Amino acid sequence: MNITPWEVALIALVALLIFGPKKLPELARSLGESMREFRKATSEATQTVKDTASDKPGATTPSVAPPTVTPVAPPAAMPAPPPTAPPVASTVETPPPSTPSRE
């Protein structure tokens, strides 16, 4: 994607209208510092990866020992719940069932 000089001029004009002439140098300075820090961090990370790879030929990732697993005894059987009390008799009296009369 190529940006033409007209597009750059249009972007600069819009930025000038939005931020004003006093803020533009400050914004450009902070943008430049941010880009410089990003490039520095990127090159340091790349150099660290290259140094790590060159220290151990044939190994691209550091070797890590697998975690040790200690066996655990199975849980003890749970005791049976205590027996429940028998149901309490109801205090409400119910009438005896009626028998059909034979006539």
Protein backbone atom coordinates (compact mmCIF):
# COMPACT_ATOMS: atom_id res chain seq x y z
CA MET A 1 0.00 0.00 0.00
CA ASN A 2 1.58 3.22 -1.16
CA ILE A 3 0.70 6.57 0.30
CA THR A 4 0.91 9.41 -2.16
CA PRO A 5 2.17 12.89 -1.26
CA TRP A 6 -1.38 14.24 -1.59
CA GLU A 7 -2.60 11.80 1.06
CA VAL A 8 0.23 12.80 3.41
CA ALA A 9 -0.62 16.47 2.90
CA LEU A 10 -4.31 15.80 3.57
CA ILE A 11 -3.49 13.90 6.78
CA ALA A 12 -1.17 16.72 7.91
CA LEU A 13 -3.85 19.32 7.19
CA VAL A 14 -6.49 17.40 9.17
CA ALA A 15 -4.05 16.94 12.06
CA LEU A 16 -3.25 20.66 11.99
CA LEU A 17 -6.95 21.53 12.10
CA ILE A 18 -7.68 19.09 14.93
CA PHE A 19 -4.69 19.67 17.22
CA GLY A 20 -3.55 23.17 16.28
CA PRO A 21 -0.06 24.44 15.48
CA LYS A 22 1.10 24.49 19.11
CA LYS A 23 0.37 20.83 19.82
CA LEU A 24 1.71 19.26 16.60
CA PRO A 25 5.44 19.44 17.45
CA GLU A 26 4.75 17.93 20.86
CA LEU A 27 2.68 15.11 19.32
CA ALA A 28 5.34 14.41 16.67
CA ARG A 29 8.05 14.29 19.36
CA SER A 30 6.10 11.83 21.51
CA LEU A 31 5.32 9.67 18.46
CA GLY A 32 9.02 9.58 17.55
CA GLU A 33 10.01 8.62 21.10
CA SER A 34 7.39 5.87 21.15
CA MET A 35 8.62 4.45 17.86
CA ARG A 36 12.23 4.56 19.06
CA GLU A 37 11.33 2.69 22.28
CA PHE A 38 9.37 0.09 20.31
CA ARG A 39 12.28 -0.54 17.93
CA LYS A 40 14.71 -0.77 20.87
CA ALA A 41 12.51 -3.30 22.70
CA THR A 42 12.03 -5.33 19.52
CA SER A 43 15.74 -5.49 18.78
CA GLU A 44 16.54 -6.45 22.40
CA ALA A 45 13.96 -9.26 22.30
CA THR A 46 15.32 -10.50 18.98
CA GLN A 47 18.88 -10.43 20.31
CA THR A 48 17.85 -12.34 23.44
CA VAL A 49 16.22 -15.04 21.34
CA LYS A 50 19.29 -15.30 19.12
CA ASP A 51 21.61 -15.50 22.14
CA THR A 52 19.49 -18.20 23.76
CA ALA A 53 19.37 -20.23 20.56
CA SER A 54 23.14 -19.96 20.01
CA ASP A 55 23.96 -21.02 23.60
CA LYS A 56 22.39 -24.46 23.12
CA PRO A 57 22.86 -25.72 19.57
CA GLY A 58 19.99 -27.87 18.38
CA ALA A 59 17.63 -26.67 21.10
CA THR A 60 15.30 -23.82 20.32
CA THR A 61 13.29 -23.97 23.52
CA PRO A 62 14.58 -24.32 27.04
CA SER A 63 14.20 -27.79 28.47
CA VAL A 64 11.90 -28.05 31.44
CA ALA A 65 11.63 -31.12 33.65
CA PRO A 66 8.12 -32.54 33.86
CA PRO A 67 6.39 -31.94 37.17
CA THR A 68 6.62 -34.72 39.69
CA VAL A 69 3.36 -36.31 40.72
CA THR A 70 3.07 -37.84 44.16
CA PRO A 71 0.46 -40.58 44.51
CA VAL A 72 -2.40 -39.83 46.86
CA ALA A 73 -4.26 -42.49 48.83
CA PRO A 74 -7.93 -42.84 47.92
CA PRO A 75 -10.30 -41.19 50.37
CA ALA A 76 -11.61 -43.34 53.22
CA ALA A 77 -15.12 -44.71 52.86
CA MET A 78 -17.73 -42.40 54.31
CA PRO A 79 -19.64 -43.77 57.30
CA ALA A 80 -23.27 -44.67 56.81
CA PRO A 81 -25.74 -41.98 57.88
CA PRO A 82 -27.50 -42.58 61.20
CA PRO A 83 -30.88 -44.30 60.98
CA THR A 84 -33.86 -42.04 60.83
CA ALA A 85 -36.54 -42.03 63.53
CA PRO A 86 -39.85 -43.76 62.73
CA PRO A 87 -42.59 -41.40 61.58
CA VAL A 88 -44.63 -39.79 64.32
CA ALA A 89 -48.32 -40.70 64.43
CA SER A 90 -50.62 -37.99 63.29
CA THR A 91 -52.73 -36.31 65.97
CA VAL A 92 -55.58 -35.75 63.57
CA GLU A 93 -58.14 -38.52 63.80
CA THR A 94 -59.42 -39.86 60.57
CA PRO A 95 -62.89 -41.45 60.39
CA PRO A 96 -62.99 -45.18 59.71
CA PRO A 97 -63.66 -46.10 56.14
CA SER A 98 -67.32 -46.47 55.38
CA THR A 99 -68.58 -49.77 54.12
CA PRO A 100 -71.27 -49.86 51.54
CA SER A 101 -74.56 -51.15 52.90
CA ARG A 102 -76.14 -54.18 51.30
CA GLU A 103 -79.78 -53.84 50.86
